[in-house]
PDB file of N, CA and C in Angstrom:
ATOM      1  N   MET A   1     -48.914  41.815 -43.925  1.00  0.00           N
ATOM      2  CA  MET A   1     -47.876  41.315 -42.840  1.00  0.00           C
ATOM      3  C   MET A   1     -47.482  42.663 -41.780  1.00  0.00           C
ATOM      4  N   GLN A   2     -46.993  43.839 -42.350  1.00  0.00           N
ATOM      5  CA  GLN A   2     -47.504  44.984 -40.851  1.00  0.00           C
ATOM      6  C   GLN A   2     -48.316  45.144 -40.081  1.00  0.00           C
ATOM      7  N   VAL A   3     -49.255  44.994 -40.620  1.00  0.00           N
ATOM      8  CA  VAL A   3     -50.217  44.769 -39.369  1.00  0.00           C
ATOM      9  C   VAL A   3     -50.128  43.934 -38.726  1.00  0.00           C
ATOM     10  N   ALA A   4     -49.911  42.484 -38.907  1.00  0.00           N
ATOM     11  CA  ALA A   4     -49.545  41.457 -37.946  1.00  0.00           C
ATOM     12  C   ALA A   4     -48.477  41.626 -36.984  1.00  0.00           C
ATOM     13  N   VAL A   5     -47.538  42.604 -37.472  1.00  0.00           N
ATOM     14  CA  VAL A   5     -46.425  42.711 -36.816  1.00  0.00           C
ATOM     15  C   VAL A   5     -46.976  43.769 -35.514  1.00  0.00           C
ATOM     16  N   HIS A   6     -47.288  45.182 -35.977  1.00  0.00           N
ATOM     17  CA  HIS A   6     -47.724  46.121 -35.054  1.00  0.00           C
ATOM     18  C   HIS A   6     -48.899  45.233 -33.695  1.00  0.00           C
ATOM     19  N   ALA A   7     -49.704  44.110 -34.830  1.00  0.00           N
ATOM     20  CA  ALA A   7     -50.933  43.907 -33.648  1.00  0.00           C
ATOM     21  C   ALA A   7     -50.188  42.707 -32.920  1.00  0.00           C
ATOM     22  N   HIS A   8     -49.205  42.251 -32.810  1.00  0.00           N
ATOM     23  CA  HIS A   8     -48.413  41.385 -31.623  1.00  0.00           C
ATOM     24  C   HIS A   8     -47.677  42.673 -30.983  1.00  0.00           C
ATOM     25  N   ALA A   9     -46.605  43.104 -31.856  1.00  0.00           N
ATOM     26  CA  ALA A   9     -46.631  44.534 -30.712  1.00  0.00           C
ATOM     27  C   ALA A   9     -47.047  44.953 -29.856  1.00  0.00           C
ATOM     28  N   VAL A  10     -48.249  45.607 -30.150  1.00  0.00           N
ATOM     29  CA  VAL A  10     -49.169  46.676 -29.123  1.00  0.00           C
ATOM     30  C   VAL A  10     -49.762  44.856 -28.138  1.00  0.00           C
ATOM     31  N   VAL A  11     -49.486  43.503 -28.738  1.00  0.00           N
ATOM     32  CA  VAL A  11     -50.235  42.412 -27.389  1.00  0.00           C
ATOM     33  C   VAL A  11     -48.823  42.503 -26.482  1.00  0.00           C
ATOM     34  N   ASP A  12     -47.687  42.655 -27.087  1.00  0.00           N
ATOM     35  CA  ASP A  12     -46.763  42.361 -26.309  1.00  0.00           C
ATOM     36  C   ASP A  12     -46.269  43.344 -25.280  1.00  0.00           C
ATOM     37  N   GLN A  13     -46.855  44.818 -25.744  1.00  0.00           N
ATOM     38  CA  GLN A  13     -47.023  45.794 -24.622  1.00  0.00           C
ATOM     39  C   GLN A  13     -48.212  46.173 -23.551  1.00  0.00           C
ATOM     40  N   ALA A  14     -48.909  45.236 -24.725  1.00  0.00           N
ATOM     41  CA  ALA A  14     -50.336  45.231 -23.502  1.00  0.00           C
ATOM     42  C   ALA A  14     -50.072  44.376 -22.262  1.00  0.00           C
ATOM     43  N   ILE A  15     -49.237  42.621 -22.695  1.00  0.00           N
ATOM     44  CA  ILE A  15     -48.858  41.986 -21.337  1.00  0.00           C
ATOM     45  C   ILE A  15     -47.512  42.775 -20.766  1.00  0.00           C
ATOM     46  N   GLY A  16     -47.043  43.442 -21.002  1.00  0.00           N
ATOM     47  CA  GLY A  16     -45.839  44.112 -20.135  1.00  0.00           C
ATOM     48  C   GLY A  16     -47.139  45.154 -18.490  1.00  0.00           C
ATOM     49  N   VAL A  17     -47.943  45.779 -19.392  1.00  0.00           N
ATOM     50  CA  VAL A  17     -48.907  46.529 -18.628  1.00  0.00           C
ATOM     51  C   VAL A  17     -49.862  45.751 -17.865  1.00  0.00           C
ATOM     52  N   VAL A  18     -50.257  44.352 -17.951  1.00  0.00           N
ATOM     53  CA  VAL A  18     -50.756  43.674 -17.038  1.00  0.00           C
ATOM     54  C   VAL A  18     -49.498  42.967 -15.871  1.00  0.00           C
ATOM     55  N   ILE A  19     -48.828  43.139 -16.519  1.00  0.00           N
ATOM     56  CA  ILE A  19     -47.491  42.180 -16.046  1.00  0.00           C
ATOM     57  C   ILE A  19     -47.344  43.195 -14.978  1.00  0.00           C
ATOM     58  N   ALA A  20     -46.946  44.422 -14.845  1.00  0.00           N
ATOM     59  CA  ALA A  20     -47.053  45.617 -13.906  1.00  0.00           C
ATOM     60  C   ALA A  20     -48.031  46.177 -12.857  1.00  0.00           C
ATOM     61  N   MET A  21     -49.401  45.610 -13.880  1.00  0.00           N
ATOM     62  CA  MET A  21     -50.504  45.930 -12.690  1.00  0.00           C
ATOM     63  C   MET A  21     -50.474  45.159 -11.731  1.00  0.00           C
ATOM     64  N   GLY A  22     -50.536  44.056 -12.219  1.00  0.00           N
ATOM     65  CA  GLY A  22     -50.535  42.835 -11.490  1.00  0.00           C
ATOM     66  C   GLY A  22     -49.565  41.440 -10.862  1.00  0.00           C
ATOM     67  N   ARG A  23     -48.300  42.263 -10.950  1.00  0.00           N
ATOM     68  CA  ARG A  23     -47.017  42.019 -10.404  1.00  0.00           C
ATOM     69  C   ARG A  23     -47.655  40.540 -10.896  1.00  0.00           C
ATOM     70  N   LEU A  24     -47.363  39.941 -11.971  1.00  0.00           N
ATOM     71  CA  LEU A  24     -47.905  38.748 -12.383  1.00  0.00           C
ATOM     72  C   LEU A  24     -46.325  38.225 -13.396  1.00  0.00           C
ATOM     73  N   THR A  25     -46.374  37.038 -13.793  1.00  0.00           N
ATOM     74  CA  THR A  25     -45.557  36.622 -15.093  1.00  0.00           C
ATOM     75  C   THR A  25     -46.046  36.722 -16.262  1.00  0.00           C
ATOM     76  N   PRO A  26     -45.166  36.526 -17.311  1.00  0.00           N
ATOM     77  CA  PRO A  26     -45.185  36.728 -18.854  1.00  0.00           C
ATOM     78  C   PRO A  26     -46.609  36.114 -18.774  1.00  0.00           C
ATOM     79  N   GLU A  27     -46.715  34.753 -18.270  1.00  0.00           N
ATOM     80  CA  GLU A  27     -47.215  34.157 -18.975  1.00  0.00           C
ATOM     81  C   GLU A  27     -49.262  34.150 -18.464  1.00  0.00           C
ATOM     82  N   GLN A  28     -48.967  34.521 -17.188  1.00  0.00           N
ATOM     83  CA  GLN A  28     -50.101  34.845 -16.388  1.00  0.00           C
ATOM     84  C   GLN A  28     -50.958  36.265 -17.194  1.00  0.00           C
ATOM     85  N   GLY A  29     -50.214  37.117 -17.662  1.00  0.00           N
ATOM     86  CA  GLY A  29     -50.291  38.673 -18.053  1.00  0.00           C
ATOM     87  C   GLY A  29     -50.872  38.169 -19.430  1.00  0.00           C
ATOM     88  N   TRP A  30     -49.984  37.302 -20.480  1.00  0.00           N
ATOM     89  CA  TRP A  30     -50.919  36.831 -21.389  1.00  0.00           C
ATOM     90  C   TRP A  30     -52.656  35.576 -21.035  1.00  0.00           C
ATOM     91  N   GLU A  31     -52.590  35.310 -20.234  1.00  0.00           N
ATOM     92  CA  GLU A  31     -53.732  34.225 -19.940  1.00  0.00           C
ATOM     93  C   GLU A  31     -54.854  35.644 -19.460  1.00  0.00           C
ATOM     94  N   VAL A  32     -54.359  36.992 -19.047  1.00  0.00           N
ATOM     95  CA  VAL A  32     -55.249  37.939 -18.498  1.00  0.00           C
ATOM     96  C   VAL A  32     -55.493  38.120 -19.622  1.00  0.00           C
ATOM     97  N   LEU A  33     -54.902  38.646 -20.984  1.00  0.00           N
ATOM     98  CA  LEU A  33     -55.379  39.507 -22.027  1.00  0.00           C
ATOM     99  C   LEU A  33     -55.982  38.270 -22.972  1.00  0.00           C
ATOM    100  N   ARG A  34     -56.026  36.805 -23.118  1.00  0.00           N
ATOM    101  CA  ARG A  34     -56.955  36.124 -23.388  1.00  0.00           C
ATOM    102  C   ARG A  34     -58.030  36.017 -22.644  1.00  0.00           C
ATOM    103  N   LYS A  35     -58.229  35.885 -21.600  1.00  0.00           N
ATOM    104  CA  LYS A  35     -59.597  35.732 -20.737  1.00  0.00           C
ATOM    105  C   LYS A  35     -60.012  37.097 -20.908  1.00  0.00           C
ATOM    106  N   VAL A  36     -60.051  38.087 -20.798  1.00  0.00           N
ATOM    107  CA  VAL A  36     -60.510  38.494 -21.192  1.00  0.00           C
ATOM    108  C   VAL A  36     -61.076  39.508 -22.608  1.00  0.00           C
ATOM    109  N   SER A  37     -60.618  38.832 -23.637  1.00  0.00           N
ATOM    110  CA  SER A  37     -60.827  39.064 -24.822  1.00  0.00           C
ATOM    111  C   SER A  37     -61.996  38.143 -25.084  1.00  0.00           C
ATOM    112  N   GLN A  38     -61.783  37.133 -24.502  1.00  0.00           N
ATOM    113  CA  GLN A  38     -62.967  35.818 -24.127  1.00  0.00           C
ATOM    114  C   GLN A  38     -64.368  36.479 -23.466  1.00  0.00           C
ATOM    115  N   HIS A  39     -63.805  37.235 -22.498  1.00  0.00           N
ATOM    116  CA  HIS A  39     -65.309  37.030 -21.594  1.00  0.00           C
ATOM    117  C   HIS A  39     -65.872  38.139 -22.242  1.00  0.00           C
ATOM    118  N   THR A  40     -65.392  39.170 -22.321  1.00  0.00           N
ATOM    119  CA  THR A  40     -65.641  40.690 -23.399  1.00  0.00           C
ATOM    120  C   THR A  40     -66.318  40.063 -24.588  1.00  0.00           C
ATOM    121  N   ASN A  41     -65.700  38.896 -25.176  1.00  0.00           N
ATOM    122  CA  ASN A  41     -66.599  38.620 -26.952  1.00  0.00           C
ATOM    123  C   ASN A  41     -65.624  40.198 -27.789  1.00  0.00           C
ATOM    124  N   ILE A  42     -64.064  40.495 -27.131  1.00  0.00           N
ATOM    125  CA  ILE A  42     -63.618  41.776 -27.790  1.00  0.00           C
ATOM    126  C   ILE A  42     -62.506  41.489 -28.166  1.00  0.00           C
ATOM    127  N   LYS A  43     -62.196  40.851 -29.808  1.00  0.00           N
ATOM    128  CA  LYS A  43     -60.901  40.902 -30.367  1.00  0.00           C
ATOM    129  C   LYS A  43     -59.699  41.438 -29.682  1.00  0.00           C
ATOM    130  N   LEU A  44     -58.571  39.627 -29.431  1.00  0.00           N
ATOM    131  CA  LEU A  44     -57.505  40.179 -28.285  1.00  0.00           C
ATOM    132  C   LEU A  44     -56.782  41.882 -28.871  1.00  0.00           C
ATOM    133  N   ARG A  45     -56.570  41.764 -30.255  1.00  0.00           N
ATOM    134  CA  ARG A  45     -55.830  43.416 -30.547  1.00  0.00           C
ATOM    135  C   ARG A  45     -56.515  44.014 -29.769  1.00  0.00           C
ATOM    136  N   THR A  46     -57.198  44.468 -29.993  1.00  0.00           N
ATOM    137  CA  THR A  46     -58.377  45.402 -29.398  1.00  0.00           C
ATOM    138  C   THR A  46     -58.768  45.586 -27.828  1.00  0.00           C
ATOM    139  N   VAL A  47     -58.183  44.583 -27.344  1.00  0.00           N
ATOM    140  CA  VAL A  47     -58.471  44.583 -25.956  1.00  0.00           C
ATOM    141  C   VAL A  47     -56.939  45.479 -25.834  1.00  0.00           C
ATOM    142  N   ALA A  48     -55.877  44.243 -26.525  1.00  0.00           N
ATOM    143  CA  ALA A  48     -55.037  44.895 -25.984  1.00  0.00           C
ATOM    144  C   ALA A  48     -53.927  46.411 -26.463  1.00  0.00           C
ATOM    145  N   GLU A  49     -54.963  46.912 -27.361  1.00  0.00           N
ATOM    146  CA  GLU A  49     -54.674  48.141 -27.774  1.00  0.00           C
ATOM    147  C   GLU A  49     -55.360  48.956 -27.139  1.00  0.00           C
ATOM    148  N   HIS A  50     -56.530  48.436 -26.005  1.00  0.00           N
ATOM    149  CA  HIS A  50     -57.091  50.149 -25.093  1.00  0.00           C
ATOM    150  C   HIS A  50     -56.276  49.593 -23.695  1.00  0.00           C
ATOM    151  N   VAL A  51     -55.384  48.794 -23.801  1.00  0.00           N
ATOM    152  CA  VAL A  51     -55.165  48.067 -22.321  1.00  0.00           C
ATOM    153  C   VAL A  51     -53.433  49.395 -22.276  1.00  0.00           C
ATOM    154  N   VAL A  52     -52.531  49.496 -23.704  1.00  0.00           N
ATOM    155  CA  VAL A  52     -51.742  49.975 -24.184  1.00  0.00           C
ATOM    156  C   VAL A  52     -51.928  51.751 -23.512  1.00  0.00           C
ATOM    157  N   ASP A  53     -53.248  51.769 -23.579  1.00  0.00           N
ATOM    158  CA  ASP A  53     -53.597  53.257 -23.917  1.00  0.00           C
ATOM    159  C   ASP A  53     -54.288  53.748 -22.573  1.00  0.00           C
ATOM    160  N   PHE A  54     -54.597  52.081 -21.710  1.00  0.00           N
ATOM    161  CA  PHE A  54     -54.916  52.723 -20.763  1.00  0.00           C
ATOM    162  C   PHE A  54     -53.708  53.402 -19.232  1.00  0.00           C
ATOM    163  N   ALA A  55     -52.381  52.502 -20.230  1.00  0.00           N
ATOM    164  CA  ALA A  55     -51.603  53.218 -19.301  1.00  0.00           C
ATOM    165  C   ALA A  55     -50.914  54.652 -19.339  1.00  0.00           C
ATOM    166  N   PRO A  56     -51.306  55.570 -19.793  1.00  0.00           N
ATOM    167  CA  PRO A  56     -51.455  57.101 -19.806  1.00  0.00           C
ATOM    168  C   PRO A  56     -52.229  57.915 -19.233  1.00  0.00           C
ATOM    169  N   THR A  57     -53.389  57.097 -19.466  1.00  0.00           N
ATOM    170  CA  THR A  57     -54.402  57.507 -19.606  1.00  0.00           C
ATOM    171  C   THR A  57     -55.132  57.203 -18.551  1.00  0.00           C
ATOM    172  N   GLN A  58     -55.304  56.472 -17.893  1.00  0.00           N
ATOM    173  CA  GLN A  58     -55.760  55.688 -16.594  1.00  0.00           C
ATOM    174  C   GLN A  58     -57.788  55.405 -17.434  1.00  0.00           C
ATOM    175  N   GLN A  59     -57.847  55.031 -18.517  1.00  0.00           N
ATOM    176  CA  GLN A  59     -59.849  54.955 -19.020  1.00  0.00           C
ATOM    177  C   GLN A  59     -59.142  54.115 -19.795  1.00  0.00           C
ATOM    178  N   LEU A  60     -59.817  53.223 -19.254  1.00  0.00           N
ATOM    179  CA  LEU A  60     -60.569  52.132 -19.861  1.00  0.00           C
ATOM    180  C   LEU A  60     -62.279  52.290 -20.104  1.00  0.00           C
ATOM    181  N   PRO A  61     -62.650  51.197 -21.652  1.00  0.00           N
ATOM    182  CA  PRO A  61     -64.358  51.236 -21.962  1.00  0.00           C
ATOM    183  C   PRO A  61     -64.847  50.379 -20.000  1.00  0.00           C
ATOM    184  N   ALA A  62     -65.297  50.470 -19.709  1.00  0.00           N
ATOM    185  CA  ALA A  62     -66.262  49.920 -18.518  1.00  0.00           C
ATOM    186  C   ALA A  62     -66.025  48.098 -18.384  1.00  0.00           C
ATOM    187  N   GLU A  63     -66.919  48.027 -19.184  1.00  0.00           N
ATOM    188  CA  GLU A  63     -67.107  46.774 -19.474  1.00  0.00           C
ATOM    189  C   GLU A  63     -65.883  45.844 -19.605  1.00  0.00           C
ATOM    190  N   LEU A  64     -64.266  46.713 -20.526  1.00  0.00           N
ATOM    191  CA  LEU A  64     -63.360  46.379 -20.433  1.00  0.00           C
ATOM    192  C   LEU A  64     -62.182  46.305 -18.553  1.00  0.00           C
ATOM    193  N   HIS A  65     -62.861  47.247 -18.276  1.00  0.00           N
ATOM    194  CA  HIS A  65     -61.868  47.822 -16.850  1.00  0.00           C
ATOM    195  C   HIS A  65     -62.325  46.174 -15.682  1.00  0.00           C
ATOM    196  N   ASP A  66     -63.857  46.000 -16.066  1.00  0.00           N
ATOM    197  CA  ASP A  66     -64.219  44.975 -15.024  1.00  0.00           C
ATOM    198  C   ASP A  66     -63.966  44.049 -15.387  1.00  0.00           C
ATOM    199  N   GLU A  67     -63.942  43.334 -16.265  1.00  0.00           N
ATOM    200  CA  GLU A  67     -63.292  42.259 -16.878  1.00  0.00           C
ATOM    201  C   GLU A  67     -61.673  42.083 -16.581  1.00  0.00           C
ATOM    202  N   LEU A  68     -61.337  43.512 -16.569  1.00  0.00           N
ATOM    203  CA  LEU A  68     -59.380  43.002 -16.610  1.00  0.00           C
ATOM    204  C   LEU A  68     -59.361  42.968 -15.509  1.00  0.00           C
ATOM    205  N   GLN A  69     -60.563  43.553 -14.127  1.00  0.00           N
ATOM    206  CA  GLN A  69     -59.538  43.610 -12.788  1.00  0.00           C
ATOM    207  C   GLN A  69     -60.211  42.454 -12.477  1.00  0.00           C
ATOM    208  N   ARG A  70     -61.508  41.514 -12.719  1.00  0.00           N
ATOM    209  CA  ARG A  70     -61.628  40.053 -12.198  1.00  0.00           C
ATOM    210  C   ARG A  70     -60.424  39.356 -12.219  1.00  0.00           C
ATOM    211  N   GLN A  71     -60.216  39.406 -13.793  1.00  0.00           N
ATOM    212  CA  GLN A  71     -58.897  38.190 -14.215  1.00  0.00           C
ATOM    213  C   GLN A  71     -57.931  38.982 -13.714  1.00  0.00           C
ATOM    214  N   LEU A  72     -57.338  40.211 -13.174  1.00  0.00           N
ATOM    215  CA  LEU A  72     -56.712  40.139 -12.281  1.00  0.00           C
ATOM    216  C   LEU A  72     -56.241  39.638 -11.041  1.00  0.00           C
ATOM    217  N   ILE A  73     -57.214  39.769 -10.414  1.00  0.00           N
ATOM    218  CA  ILE A  73     -57.599  38.921  -9.090  1.00  0.00           C
ATOM    219  C   ILE A  73     -57.741  37.828  -9.539  1.00  0.00           C
ATOM    220  N   HIS A  74     -58.187  36.891 -10.195  1.00  0.00           N
ATOM    221  CA  HIS A  74     -58.057  35.648 -10.470  1.00  0.00           C
ATOM    222  C   HIS A  74     -56.769  35.056 -10.567  1.00  0.00           C
ATOM    223  N   ALA A  75     -56.043  36.026 -11.210  1.00  0.00           N
ATOM    224  CA  ALA A  75     -54.104  35.386 -11.530  1.00  0.00           C
ATOM    225  C   ALA A  75     -53.562  35.513 -10.562  1.00  0.00           C
ATOM    226  N   ALA A  76     -53.594  36.612  -9.434  1.00  0.00           N
ATOM    227  CA  ALA A  76     -53.119  36.750  -8.438  1.00  0.00           C
ATOM    228  C   ALA A  76     -53.162  35.478  -7.360  1.00  0.00           C
ATOM    229  N   ARG A  77     -54.820  35.326  -7.364  1.00  0.00           N
ATOM    230  CA  ARG A  77     -55.413  34.385  -6.192  1.00  0.00           C
ATOM    231  C   ARG A  77     -54.515  32.624  -7.152  1.00  0.00           C
ATOM    232  N   THR A  78     -54.278  32.974  -8.129  1.00  0.00           N
ATOM    233  CA  THR A  78     -53.779  31.304  -8.540  1.00  0.00           C
ATOM    234  C   THR A  78     -52.173  31.282  -9.144  1.00  0.00           C
ATOM    235  N   PRO A  79     -51.702  30.969  -8.488  1.00  0.00           N
ATOM    236  CA  PRO A  79     -50.647  30.511  -8.529  1.00  0.00           C
ATOM    237  C   PRO A  79     -49.784  29.534 -10.011  1.00  0.00           C
ATOM    238  N   GLU A  80     -48.737  29.678 -10.809  1.00  0.00           N
ATOM    239  CA  GLU A  80     -48.099  28.902 -11.599  1.00  0.00           C
ATOM    240  C   GLU A  80     -47.904  28.135 -11.311  1.00  0.00           C
ATOM    241  N   PRO A  81     -48.012  26.719 -12.199  1.00  0.00           N
ATOM    242  CA  PRO A  81     -47.859  25.408 -11.608  1.00  0.00           C
ATOM    243  C   PRO A  81     -46.141  25.766 -11.333  1.00  0.00           C
ATOM    244  N   GLY A  82     -45.410  25.037 -10.541  1.00  0.00           N
ATOM    245  CA  GLY A  82     -43.700  25.186 -10.666  1.00  0.00           C
ATOM    246  C   GLY A  82     -43.605  26.188 -10.060  1.00  0.00           C
ATOM    247  N   ARG A  83     -43.670  27.137  -9.174  1.00  0.00           N
ATOM    248  CA  ARG A  83     -43.277  28.329  -8.918  1.00  0.00           C
ATOM    249  C   ARG A  83     -43.863  28.930  -7.446  1.00  0.00           C
ATOM    250  N   ASN A  84     -43.355  28.422  -6.490  1.00  0.00           N
ATOM    251  CA  ASN A  84     -42.946  28.754  -5.164  1.00  0.00           C
ATOM    252  C   ASN A  84     -44.620  29.570  -4.397  1.00  0.00           C
ATOM    253  N   THR A  85     -45.479  29.748  -4.033  1.00  0.00           N
ATOM    254  CA  THR A  85     -46.242  30.635  -3.491  1.00  0.00           C
ATOM    255  C   THR A  85     -45.544  31.432  -2.078  1.00  0.00           C
ATOM    256  N   PRO A  86     -45.666  32.888  -2.268  1.00  0.00           N
ATOM    257  CA  PRO A  86     -45.194  33.202  -1.103  1.00  0.00           C
ATOM    258  C   PRO A  86     -45.692  33.139   0.129  1.00  0.00           C
ATOM    259  N   GLN A  87     -44.901  32.942   1.525  1.00  0.00           N
ATOM    260  CA  GLN A  87     -45.530  32.675   2.740  1.00  0.00           C
ATOM    261  C   GLN A  87     -45.626  33.578   3.169  1.00  0.00           C
TER     262      GLN A  87
END
């Protein structure tokens, strides 16, 4: 139970980092993390741990860095349904 609570907290923190990096909504932040996990075949919790560690160190494994950048760019270009696009 404690492991699950810790994993959830780390994922929530990672969503916050992704939101700040890409100026995204929480839903977009979640999708970015999920897609990075899927495209790199790395467990979501592990991706989240690396992203949280990235905030103070500015270091990510190359594979995660590249995929995170791709997903951030994609999320920034894809408006959320029902959300006004900037003019």
